[in-house]
Amino acid sequence: MILPIVAYGDPVLKKKAAPIEKNHPNLKKLISDMWETMYAAQGVGLAAPQIGESIRLFIVDGSPFANDKSIDNIEQRELRIFKKVFINPEILSFSGPQEAFNEGCLSIPDIREDVTRLTTIKISYYDENFKPVTAEFSGISSRIIQHEFDHIEGILFTDKLGPLKKKLLKTKLTQISKGKINCDYPMRFPNKNNIR
């Protein structure tokens, strides 16, 4: 089932999400709905707070980047099969150089900005079967994970922008929170009573 994505301005997006247990109610259905919602919105990642669930869960699929000519062939091959569920993740370390990349967010449609992040992370998490995993990710896959991890920490990519850029975006962000945007997928707006 395609769920409405929570828009910028909703308090759930600024709240640190809670860990979940293996027997979390309807977890398989929730994950399935999140995949369907993410693909319908043409996203590469979706965190549970973006559908109004303040829990430490997100999904990622980097395959849309697999044909990007600016990425080397090895990373393109890795991104083709980079589809994962992260439950209760914790980033253990950051490393590598800092790189800027133009990021967007399904909760903040029509805004894209360069965000600087370290290129490599080591992360521990549980997969969709609650099997513990510890892995290292670099490049685009690391960036997608960091973006979604920020969501479960109550951080948006716009929080990482400089003061001038934030000031320039303020009016547009207010319009998004009021639902005064055109969007191709269902959204829930904090300052508007309906979903569209």
N, C-alpha and C. Protein backbone atom coordinates (compact mmCIF):
# COMPACT_ATOMS: atom_id res chain seq x y z
N MET A 1 0.84 -1.18 0.00
CA MET A 1 0.00 0.00 0.00
C MET A 1 0.90 1.25 0.00
N ILE A 2 0.58 2.18 -0.88
CA ILE A 2 1.33 3.43 -0.94
C ILE A 2 0.84 4.36 0.17
N LEU A 3 1.79 4.79 0.99
CA LEU A 3 1.46 5.65 2.13
C LEU A 3 1.82 7.10 1.81
N PRO A 4 1.12 8.06 2.42
CA PRO A 4 1.49 9.47 2.20
C PRO A 4 2.82 9.78 2.88
N ILE A 5 3.66 10.53 2.21
CA ILE A 5 4.94 10.94 2.77
C ILE A 5 4.75 12.25 3.54
N VAL A 6 5.30 12.27 4.74
CA VAL A 6 5.18 13.43 5.62
C VAL A 6 6.04 14.57 5.08
N ALA A 7 5.46 15.75 4.98
CA ALA A 7 6.16 16.90 4.42
C ALA A 7 6.94 17.68 5.48
N TYR A 8 7.89 18.44 5.00
CA TYR A 8 8.68 19.34 5.83
C TYR A 8 7.78 20.13 6.78
N GLY A 9 8.21 20.28 8.01
CA GLY A 9 7.45 21.04 9.00
C GLY A 9 6.73 20.17 10.01
N ASP A 10 6.53 18.88 9.68
CA ASP A 10 5.87 17.97 10.62
C ASP A 10 6.85 17.64 11.74
N PRO A 11 6.40 17.73 13.01
CA PRO A 11 7.30 17.47 14.15
C PRO A 11 7.95 16.08 14.13
N VAL A 12 7.31 15.08 13.51
CA VAL A 12 7.88 13.73 13.50
C VAL A 12 9.23 13.71 12.78
N LEU A 13 9.46 14.63 11.85
CA LEU A 13 10.72 14.67 11.11
C LEU A 13 11.87 15.26 11.93
N LYS A 14 11.55 15.91 13.04
CA LYS A 14 12.58 16.53 13.87
C LYS A 14 12.81 15.78 15.19
N LYS A 15 12.17 14.61 15.31
CA LYS A 15 12.23 13.84 16.54
C LYS A 15 13.18 12.66 16.38
N LYS A 16 13.99 12.39 17.40
CA LYS A 16 14.86 11.21 17.36
C LYS A 16 13.98 9.96 17.51
N ALA A 17 14.10 9.04 16.55
CA ALA A 17 13.22 7.87 16.51
C ALA A 17 13.64 6.82 17.54
N ALA A 18 12.67 6.00 17.93
CA ALA A 18 12.87 4.97 18.96
C ALA A 18 13.27 3.63 18.33
N PRO A 19 14.12 2.86 19.03
CA PRO A 19 14.46 1.51 18.54
C PRO A 19 13.23 0.61 18.54
N ILE A 20 13.29 -0.43 17.75
CA ILE A 20 12.16 -1.37 17.70
C ILE A 20 12.63 -2.78 18.05
N GLU A 21 11.68 -3.60 18.47
CA GLU A 21 11.95 -4.99 18.82
C GLU A 21 11.63 -5.89 17.64
N LYS A 22 12.13 -7.12 17.71
CA LYS A 22 11.91 -8.10 16.64
C LYS A 22 10.42 -8.36 16.40
N ASN A 23 9.63 -8.30 17.48
CA ASN A 23 8.19 -8.58 17.36
C ASN A 23 7.37 -7.31 17.15
N HIS A 24 7.99 -6.26 16.60
CA HIS A 24 7.26 -5.02 16.33
C HIS A 24 6.02 -5.34 15.48
N PRO A 25 4.84 -4.82 15.87
CA PRO A 25 3.61 -5.18 15.16
C PRO A 25 3.65 -4.85 13.67
N ASN A 26 3.28 -5.83 12.87
CA ASN A 26 3.14 -5.68 11.41
C ASN A 26 4.41 -5.14 10.73
N LEU A 27 5.58 -5.56 11.23
CA LEU A 27 6.84 -5.04 10.68
C LEU A 27 7.02 -5.40 9.20
N LYS A 28 6.74 -6.64 8.84
CA LYS A 28 6.90 -7.07 7.44
C LYS A 28 6.01 -6.24 6.52
N LYS A 29 4.77 -6.01 6.95
CA LYS A 29 3.82 -5.21 6.15
C LYS A 29 4.31 -3.77 6.05
N LEU A 30 4.80 -3.22 7.15
CA LEU A 30 5.32 -1.86 7.14
C LEU A 30 6.47 -1.72 6.15
N ILE A 31 7.41 -2.67 6.19
CA ILE A 31 8.55 -2.62 5.27
C ILE A 31 8.08 -2.73 3.83
N SER A 32 7.14 -3.64 3.58
CA SER A 32 6.59 -3.80 2.23
C SER A 32 5.92 -2.51 1.75
N ASP A 33 5.14 -1.88 2.63
CA ASP A 33 4.49 -0.61 2.27
C ASP A 33 5.52 0.49 2.02
N MET A 34 6.60 0.47 2.79
CA MET A 34 7.65 1.48 2.59
C MET A 34 8.31 1.30 1.22
N TRP A 35 8.59 0.05 0.82
CA TRP A 35 9.16 -0.16 -0.53
C TRP A 35 8.21 0.37 -1.60
N GLU A 36 6.94 0.02 -1.47
CA GLU A 36 5.95 0.46 -2.46
C GLU A 36 5.85 1.98 -2.50
N THR A 37 5.87 2.60 -1.34
CA THR A 37 5.79 4.07 -1.24
C THR A 37 7.02 4.73 -1.85
N MET A 38 8.20 4.21 -1.53
CA MET A 38 9.45 4.78 -2.04
C MET A 38 9.51 4.69 -3.57
N TYR A 39 9.17 3.51 -4.10
CA TYR A 39 9.23 3.35 -5.56
C TYR A 39 8.20 4.21 -6.27
N ALA A 40 7.01 4.35 -5.68
CA ALA A 40 5.98 5.20 -6.29
C ALA A 40 6.43 6.65 -6.35
N ALA A 41 7.26 7.06 -5.38
CA ALA A 41 7.76 8.44 -5.34
C ALA A 41 9.11 8.60 -6.05
N GLN A 42 9.60 7.49 -6.62
CA GLN A 42 10.88 7.46 -7.34
C GLN A 42 12.05 7.90 -6.46
N GLY A 43 12.04 7.41 -5.21
CA GLY A 43 13.12 7.70 -4.28
C GLY A 43 14.16 6.62 -4.26
N VAL A 44 15.28 6.90 -3.59
CA VAL A 44 16.35 5.90 -3.42
C VAL A 44 16.48 5.51 -1.94
N GLY A 45 15.70 6.16 -1.09
CA GLY A 45 15.70 5.83 0.33
C GLY A 45 14.43 6.37 0.97
N LEU A 46 14.03 5.72 2.06
CA LEU A 46 12.85 6.19 2.79
C LEU A 46 13.00 5.75 4.24
N ALA A 47 12.86 6.69 5.15
CA ALA A 47 12.93 6.40 6.59
C ALA A 47 11.53 6.39 7.18
N ALA A 48 11.33 5.56 8.21
CA ALA A 48 10.01 5.43 8.83
C ALA A 48 9.41 6.77 9.28
N PRO A 49 10.21 7.72 9.82
CA PRO A 49 9.59 9.01 10.18
C PRO A 49 8.93 9.72 9.00
N GLN A 50 9.39 9.43 7.79
CA GLN A 50 8.81 10.08 6.60
C GLN A 50 7.42 9.57 6.28
N ILE A 51 7.01 8.48 6.92
CA ILE A 51 5.63 8.02 6.77
C ILE A 51 4.90 8.13 8.12
N GLY A 52 5.48 8.93 9.02
CA GLY A 52 4.84 9.23 10.29
C GLY A 52 5.13 8.26 11.41
N GLU A 53 6.05 7.30 11.20
CA GLU A 53 6.39 6.31 12.22
C GLU A 53 7.74 6.67 12.83
N SER A 54 7.77 7.09 14.07
CA SER A 54 9.02 7.51 14.71
C SER A 54 9.78 6.31 15.28
N ILE A 55 10.24 5.45 14.36
CA ILE A 55 11.01 4.26 14.75
C ILE A 55 12.28 4.22 13.92
N ARG A 56 13.29 3.48 14.43
CA ARG A 56 14.61 3.43 13.79
C ARG A 56 14.63 2.37 12.69
N LEU A 57 14.07 2.75 11.56
CA LEU A 57 13.95 1.87 10.40
C LEU A 57 14.06 2.71 9.14
N PHE A 58 14.89 2.26 8.19
CA PHE A 58 14.87 2.87 6.86
C PHE A 58 15.26 1.84 5.81
N ILE A 59 14.90 2.16 4.58
CA ILE A 59 15.20 1.30 3.44
C ILE A 59 15.97 2.11 2.39
N VAL A 60 16.79 1.41 1.60
CA VAL A 60 17.55 2.09 0.55
C VAL A 60 17.63 1.19 -0.69
N ASP A 61 17.67 1.82 -1.84
CA ASP A 61 17.90 1.12 -3.11
C ASP A 61 18.66 2.09 -4.01
N GLY A 62 19.94 1.83 -4.19
CA GLY A 62 20.80 2.73 -4.96
C GLY A 62 20.81 2.47 -6.45
N SER A 63 20.01 1.51 -6.94
CA SER A 63 20.06 1.14 -8.36
C SER A 63 19.80 2.29 -9.33
N PRO A 64 18.98 3.32 -8.99
CA PRO A 64 18.82 4.42 -9.95
C PRO A 64 20.13 5.15 -10.27
N PHE A 65 21.13 5.04 -9.38
CA PHE A 65 22.43 5.68 -9.64
C PHE A 65 23.36 4.79 -10.47
N ALA A 66 22.96 3.54 -10.73
CA ALA A 66 23.86 2.57 -11.37
C ALA A 66 24.27 2.95 -12.79
N ASN A 67 23.49 3.79 -13.44
CA ASN A 67 23.83 4.19 -14.81
C ASN A 67 24.42 5.59 -14.89
N ASP A 68 24.73 6.17 -13.74
CA ASP A 68 25.32 7.51 -13.69
C ASP A 68 26.75 7.46 -14.22
N LYS A 69 27.01 8.15 -15.32
CA LYS A 69 28.32 8.11 -15.99
C LYS A 69 29.42 8.77 -15.17
N SER A 70 29.05 9.58 -14.16
CA SER A 70 30.07 10.24 -13.34
C SER A 70 30.61 9.30 -12.25
N ILE A 71 30.02 8.12 -12.13
CA ILE A 71 30.43 7.14 -11.11
C ILE A 71 31.23 6.03 -11.80
N ASP A 72 32.31 5.58 -11.16
CA ASP A 72 33.13 4.55 -11.80
C ASP A 72 32.38 3.22 -11.91
N ASN A 73 32.90 2.33 -12.79
CA ASN A 73 32.21 1.07 -13.12
C ASN A 73 32.02 0.16 -11.92
N ILE A 74 33.01 0.12 -11.03
CA ILE A 74 32.91 -0.75 -9.85
C ILE A 74 31.75 -0.29 -8.97
N GLU A 75 31.68 1.01 -8.72
CA GLU A 75 30.59 1.52 -7.88
C GLU A 75 29.24 1.35 -8.58
N GLN A 76 29.20 1.51 -9.91
CA GLN A 76 27.95 1.29 -10.65
C GLN A 76 27.45 -0.14 -10.42
N ARG A 77 28.36 -1.13 -10.49
CA ARG A 77 27.97 -2.53 -10.28
C ARG A 77 27.45 -2.75 -8.86
N GLU A 78 28.12 -2.11 -7.87
CA GLU A 78 27.68 -2.24 -6.48
C GLU A 78 26.29 -1.64 -6.28
N LEU A 79 26.05 -0.48 -6.91
CA LEU A 79 24.76 0.20 -6.73
C LEU A 79 23.60 -0.58 -7.36
N ARG A 80 23.89 -1.37 -8.40
CA ARG A 80 22.83 -2.17 -9.04
C ARG A 80 22.18 -3.14 -8.06
N ILE A 81 22.98 -3.62 -7.09
CA ILE A 81 22.46 -4.62 -6.14
C ILE A 81 22.35 -4.05 -4.72
N PHE A 82 22.47 -2.73 -4.60
CA PHE A 82 22.43 -2.09 -3.28
C PHE A 82 20.99 -1.81 -2.89
N LYS A 83 20.36 -2.83 -2.29
CA LYS A 83 18.98 -2.72 -1.82
C LYS A 83 18.93 -3.35 -0.44
N LYS A 84 18.67 -2.52 0.59
CA LYS A 84 18.78 -3.02 1.96
C LYS A 84 17.73 -2.40 2.89
N VAL A 85 17.46 -3.14 3.97
CA VAL A 85 16.62 -2.68 5.07
C VAL A 85 17.54 -2.49 6.27
N PHE A 86 17.43 -1.36 6.93
CA PHE A 86 18.24 -1.07 8.13
C PHE A 86 17.29 -0.88 9.33
N ILE A 87 17.45 -1.75 10.32
CA ILE A 87 16.66 -1.66 11.55
C ILE A 87 17.62 -1.38 12.71
N ASN A 88 17.27 -0.41 13.54
CA ASN A 88 18.08 -0.01 14.69
C ASN A 88 19.56 0.21 14.32
N PRO A 89 19.84 0.94 13.25
CA PRO A 89 21.24 1.13 12.84
C PRO A 89 21.99 2.08 13.76
N GLU A 90 23.29 1.86 13.85
CA GLU A 90 24.19 2.77 14.57
C GLU A 90 25.44 2.93 13.71
N ILE A 91 25.79 4.17 13.39
CA ILE A 91 27.03 4.40 12.65
C ILE A 91 28.18 4.34 13.63
N LEU A 92 29.13 3.43 13.36
CA LEU A 92 30.25 3.18 14.26
C LEU A 92 31.42 4.13 13.98
N SER A 93 31.61 4.47 12.70
CA SER A 93 32.70 5.38 12.36
C SER A 93 32.47 6.03 11.00
N PHE A 94 33.06 7.21 10.84
CA PHE A 94 33.09 7.94 9.57
C PHE A 94 34.55 8.06 9.17
N SER A 95 34.84 7.98 7.86
CA SER A 95 36.21 8.15 7.40
C SER A 95 36.21 8.62 5.95
N GLY A 96 37.42 8.80 5.42
CA GLY A 96 37.56 9.23 4.04
C GLY A 96 37.47 10.74 3.92
N PRO A 97 37.67 11.23 2.70
CA PRO A 97 37.59 12.68 2.48
C PRO A 97 36.14 13.16 2.52
N GLN A 98 35.97 14.47 2.68
CA GLN A 98 34.64 15.07 2.59
C GLN A 98 34.35 15.37 1.13
N GLU A 99 33.12 15.07 0.71
CA GLU A 99 32.70 15.36 -0.66
C GLU A 99 31.31 15.98 -0.64
N ALA A 100 31.10 16.92 -1.56
CA ALA A 100 29.78 17.53 -1.72
C ALA A 100 29.02 16.77 -2.80
N PHE A 101 27.70 16.67 -2.60
CA PHE A 101 26.83 15.99 -3.57
C PHE A 101 25.46 16.63 -3.48
N ASN A 102 24.80 16.74 -4.61
CA ASN A 102 23.49 17.39 -4.66
C ASN A 102 22.42 16.42 -4.15
N GLU A 103 21.85 16.73 -2.98
CA GLU A 103 20.85 15.85 -2.35
C GLU A 103 19.46 16.45 -2.43
N GLY A 104 18.48 15.56 -2.42
CA GLY A 104 17.08 15.94 -2.33
C GLY A 104 16.42 15.05 -1.31
N CYS A 105 15.12 15.24 -1.09
CA CYS A 105 14.41 14.47 -0.07
C CYS A 105 12.93 14.40 -0.44
N LEU A 106 12.35 13.22 -0.30
CA LEU A 106 10.93 13.05 -0.63
C LEU A 106 10.02 13.89 0.26
N SER A 107 10.48 14.22 1.47
CA SER A 107 9.70 15.07 2.37
C SER A 107 9.85 16.56 2.05
N ILE A 108 10.81 16.87 1.18
CA ILE A 108 11.07 18.27 0.81
C ILE A 108 11.14 18.35 -0.71
N PRO A 109 10.02 18.14 -1.41
CA PRO A 109 10.05 18.10 -2.87
C PRO A 109 10.51 19.43 -3.48
N ASP A 110 11.12 19.32 -4.64
CA ASP A 110 11.53 20.50 -5.44
C ASP A 110 12.69 21.29 -4.85
N ILE A 111 13.34 20.77 -3.83
CA ILE A 111 14.54 21.44 -3.32
C ILE A 111 15.69 20.44 -3.36
N ARG A 112 16.78 20.86 -3.99
CA ARG A 112 18.01 20.07 -4.04
C ARG A 112 19.16 21.01 -3.72
N GLU A 113 20.07 20.55 -2.87
CA GLU A 113 21.23 21.37 -2.49
C GLU A 113 22.45 20.49 -2.28
N ASP A 114 23.63 21.07 -2.46
CA ASP A 114 24.87 20.35 -2.19
C ASP A 114 25.06 20.19 -0.69
N VAL A 115 25.31 18.94 -0.28
CA VAL A 115 25.56 18.62 1.12
C VAL A 115 26.92 17.92 1.18
N THR A 116 27.76 18.35 2.11
CA THR A 116 29.09 17.76 2.27
C THR A 116 29.05 16.68 3.35
N ARG A 117 29.58 15.49 2.99
CA ARG A 117 29.63 14.37 3.94
C ARG A 117 30.96 13.64 3.77
N LEU A 118 31.38 12.93 4.81
CA LEU A 118 32.52 12.03 4.69
C LEU A 118 32.11 10.85 3.81
N THR A 119 33.06 10.29 3.06
CA THR A 119 32.71 9.34 2.02
C THR A 119 32.48 7.90 2.49
N THR A 120 32.99 7.53 3.67
CA THR A 120 32.91 6.12 4.10
C THR A 120 32.36 6.03 5.53
N ILE A 121 31.51 5.03 5.73
CA ILE A 121 30.99 4.76 7.08
C ILE A 121 31.09 3.27 7.40
N LYS A 122 31.19 2.99 8.69
CA LYS A 122 31.03 1.63 9.19
C LYS A 122 29.76 1.66 10.03
N ILE A 123 28.86 0.71 9.81
CA ILE A 123 27.55 0.75 10.44
C ILE A 123 27.14 -0.64 10.92
N SER A 124 26.47 -0.68 12.06
CA SER A 124 25.87 -1.94 12.52
C SER A 124 24.35 -1.76 12.48
N TYR A 125 23.65 -2.83 12.15
CA TYR A 125 22.19 -2.77 12.03
C TYR A 125 21.63 -4.18 12.01
N TYR A 126 20.31 -4.26 12.03
CA TYR A 126 19.62 -5.53 11.82
C TYR A 126 18.95 -5.46 10.46
N ASP A 127 18.98 -6.59 9.72
CA ASP A 127 18.29 -6.62 8.43
C ASP A 127 16.80 -6.92 8.66
N GLU A 128 16.06 -7.12 7.57
CA GLU A 128 14.61 -7.32 7.69
C GLU A 128 14.23 -8.59 8.44
N ASN A 129 15.19 -9.55 8.57
CA ASN A 129 14.95 -10.78 9.33
C ASN A 129 15.52 -10.69 10.75
N PHE A 130 15.90 -9.48 11.15
CA PHE A 130 16.50 -9.18 12.45
C PHE A 130 17.82 -9.93 12.64
N LYS A 131 18.53 -10.14 11.53
CA LYS A 131 19.88 -10.70 11.59
C LYS A 131 20.85 -9.53 11.77
N PRO A 132 21.77 -9.60 12.77
CA PRO A 132 22.71 -8.50 12.96
C PRO A 132 23.75 -8.44 11.85
N VAL A 133 24.06 -7.23 11.41
CA VAL A 133 25.03 -7.02 10.33
C VAL A 133 25.94 -5.86 10.73
N THR A 134 27.23 -5.99 10.43
CA THR A 134 28.16 -4.87 10.52
C THR A 134 28.85 -4.78 9.18
N ALA A 135 28.83 -3.60 8.56
CA ALA A 135 29.39 -3.46 7.22
C ALA A 135 29.95 -2.06 7.02
N GLU A 136 30.79 -1.95 5.98
CA GLU A 136 31.35 -0.65 5.61
C GLU A 136 30.80 -0.29 4.23
N PHE A 137 30.46 0.99 4.05
CA PHE A 137 29.94 1.47 2.78
C PHE A 137 30.68 2.75 2.40
N SER A 138 30.90 2.91 1.09
CA SER A 138 31.59 4.11 0.60
C SER A 138 30.82 4.70 -0.58
N GLY A 139 31.17 5.92 -0.92
CA GLY A 139 30.61 6.56 -2.11
C GLY A 139 29.13 6.86 -1.97
N ILE A 140 28.40 6.64 -3.07
CA ILE A 140 26.96 6.97 -3.11
C ILE A 140 26.18 6.15 -2.09
N SER A 141 26.51 4.87 -1.93
CA SER A 141 25.77 4.04 -0.98
C SER A 141 25.93 4.59 0.45
N SER A 142 27.14 5.02 0.79
CA SER A 142 27.37 5.63 2.10
C SER A 142 26.54 6.90 2.27
N ARG A 143 26.48 7.71 1.23
CA ARG A 143 25.72 8.97 1.28
C ARG A 143 24.24 8.70 1.47
N ILE A 144 23.68 7.74 0.73
CA ILE A 144 22.25 7.41 0.86
C ILE A 144 21.96 6.97 2.30
N ILE A 145 22.82 6.10 2.84
CA ILE A 145 22.63 5.62 4.21
C ILE A 145 22.70 6.78 5.20
N GLN A 146 23.71 7.65 5.04
CA GLN A 146 23.85 8.78 5.96
C GLN A 146 22.62 9.70 5.92
N HIS A 147 22.09 9.93 4.72
CA HIS A 147 20.90 10.78 4.57
C HIS A 147 19.72 10.16 5.33
N GLU A 148 19.51 8.85 5.15
CA GLU A 148 18.38 8.18 5.81
C GLU A 148 18.62 8.04 7.30
N PHE A 149 19.87 7.79 7.71
CA PHE A 149 20.19 7.72 9.13
C PHE A 149 19.88 9.06 9.81
N ASP A 150 20.21 10.15 9.12
CA ASP A 150 19.87 11.48 9.66
C ASP A 150 18.38 11.58 9.98
N HIS A 151 17.54 11.01 9.10
CA HIS A 151 16.09 11.07 9.34
C HIS A 151 15.70 10.45 10.67
N ILE A 152 16.30 9.31 11.03
CA ILE A 152 15.91 8.67 12.29
C ILE A 152 16.54 9.38 13.50
N GLU A 153 17.46 10.31 13.22
CA GLU A 153 18.04 11.14 14.27
C GLU A 153 17.31 12.49 14.38
N GLY A 154 16.31 12.70 13.51
CA GLY A 154 15.57 13.97 13.52
C GLY A 154 16.28 15.09 12.78
N ILE A 155 17.13 14.72 11.83
CA ILE A 155 17.92 15.70 11.07
C ILE A 155 17.53 15.64 9.60
N LEU A 156 17.31 16.80 8.99
CA LEU A 156 17.01 16.89 7.56
C LEU A 156 18.23 17.43 6.83
N PHE A 157 18.32 17.15 5.53
CA PHE A 157 19.51 17.63 4.80
C PHE A 157 19.59 19.15 4.80
N THR A 158 18.44 19.82 4.91
CA THR A 158 18.45 21.29 4.96
C THR A 158 19.08 21.81 6.25
N ASP A 159 19.11 20.98 7.29
CA ASP A 159 19.75 21.37 8.55
C ASP A 159 21.27 21.49 8.38
N LYS A 160 21.80 20.86 7.35
CA LYS A 160 23.25 20.84 7.13
C LYS A 160 23.72 22.00 6.24
N LEU A 161 22.80 22.83 5.81
CA LEU A 161 23.15 23.95 4.94
C LEU A 161 23.58 25.16 5.77
N GLY A 162 24.31 26.05 5.13
CA GLY A 162 24.77 27.27 5.80
C GLY A 162 23.62 28.23 6.07
N PRO A 163 23.84 29.23 6.96
CA PRO A 163 22.78 30.16 7.35
C PRO A 163 22.19 30.94 6.18
N LEU A 164 23.01 31.36 5.24
CA LEU A 164 22.51 32.13 4.09
C LEU A 164 21.60 31.27 3.22
N LYS A 165 22.04 30.04 2.94
CA LYS A 165 21.24 29.13 2.12
C LYS A 165 19.91 28.82 2.80
N LYS A 166 19.94 28.62 4.13
CA LYS A 166 18.70 28.35 4.88
C LYS A 166 17.74 29.54 4.76
N LYS A 167 18.30 30.72 4.85
CA LYS A 167 17.47 31.94 4.77
C LYS A 167 16.83 32.05 3.39
N LEU A 168 17.59 31.73 2.35
CA LEU A 168 17.07 31.80 0.98
C LEU A 168 15.97 30.77 0.72
N LEU A 169 16.03 29.64 1.45
CA LEU A 169 15.05 28.56 1.24
C LEU A 169 13.82 28.68 2.14
N LYS A 170 13.85 29.59 3.10
CA LYS A 170 12.80 29.65 4.12
C LYS A 170 11.39 29.76 3.53
N THR A 171 11.19 30.65 2.57
CA THR A 171 9.87 30.83 1.97
C THR A 171 9.40 29.56 1.27
N LYS A 172 10.31 28.93 0.52
CA LYS A 172 9.95 27.71 -0.21
C LYS A 172 9.61 26.58 0.77
N LEU A 173 10.35 26.48 1.85
CA LEU A 173 10.08 25.44 2.85
C LEU A 173 8.72 25.68 3.54
N THR A 174 8.39 26.92 3.78
CA THR A 174 7.08 27.25 4.37
C THR A 174 5.97 26.86 3.41
N GLN A 175 6.17 27.11 2.12
CA GLN A 175 5.17 26.74 1.11
C GLN A 175 4.96 25.22 1.09
N ILE A 176 6.08 24.46 1.21
CA ILE A 176 5.97 23.00 1.24
C ILE A 176 5.14 22.56 2.44
N SER A 177 5.41 23.13 3.62
CA SER A 177 4.68 22.72 4.82
C SER A 177 3.18 23.01 4.72
N LYS A 178 2.82 24.01 3.89
CA LYS A 178 1.41 24.36 3.69
C LYS A 178 0.76 23.60 2.53
N GLY A 179 1.57 22.76 1.85
CA GLY A 179 1.03 22.00 0.73
C GLY A 179 0.93 22.79 -0.55
N LYS A 180 1.61 23.92 -0.62
CA LYS A 180 1.54 24.77 -1.81
C LYS A 180 2.65 24.39 -2.79
N ILE A 181 2.59 23.11 -3.22
CA ILE A 181 3.56 22.58 -4.18
C ILE A 181 2.84 21.58 -5.08
N ASN A 182 3.44 21.29 -6.21
CA ASN A 182 2.95 20.23 -7.08
C ASN A 182 3.83 19.00 -6.84
N CYS A 183 3.19 17.89 -6.54
CA CYS A 183 3.94 16.68 -6.21
C CYS A 183 3.25 15.48 -6.86
N ASP A 184 4.06 14.53 -7.36
CA ASP A 184 3.52 13.37 -8.07
C ASP A 184 3.18 12.19 -7.17
N TYR A 185 3.31 12.36 -5.86
CA TYR A 185 3.01 11.26 -4.94
C TYR A 185 2.24 11.81 -3.74
N PRO A 186 1.50 10.94 -3.03
CA PRO A 186 0.69 11.42 -1.90
C PRO A 186 1.57 11.95 -0.77
N MET A 187 1.17 13.09 -0.21
CA MET A 187 1.90 13.68 0.90
C MET A 187 0.93 14.11 1.99
N ARG A 188 1.45 14.20 3.20
CA ARG A 188 0.70 14.71 4.35
C ARG A 188 1.39 15.99 4.80
N PHE A 189 0.65 17.08 4.80
CA PHE A 189 1.23 18.38 5.11
C PHE A 189 0.85 18.82 6.52
N PRO A 190 1.83 19.30 7.32
CA PRO A 190 1.55 19.66 8.70
C PRO A 190 0.64 20.88 8.86
N ASN A 191 0.68 21.78 7.90
CA ASN A 191 -0.11 23.00 8.02
C ASN A 191 -1.28 23.05 7.04
N LYS A 192 -1.79 21.83 6.77
CA LYS A 192 -2.94 21.70 5.88
C LYS A 192 -3.71 20.47 6.35
N ASN A 193 -5.02 20.49 6.26
CA ASN A 193 -5.82 19.42 6.84
C ASN A 193 -5.91 18.15 6.00
N ASN A 194 -5.58 18.22 4.73
CA ASN A 194 -5.81 17.04 3.90
C ASN A 194 -4.53 16.47 3.33
N ILE A 195 -4.67 15.28 2.78
CA ILE A 195 -3.56 14.61 2.08
C ILE A 195 -3.83 14.76 0.59
N ARG A 196 -2.78 15.04 -0.14
CA ARG A 196 -2.95 15.05 -1.60
C ARG A 196 -1.70 14.54 -2.27
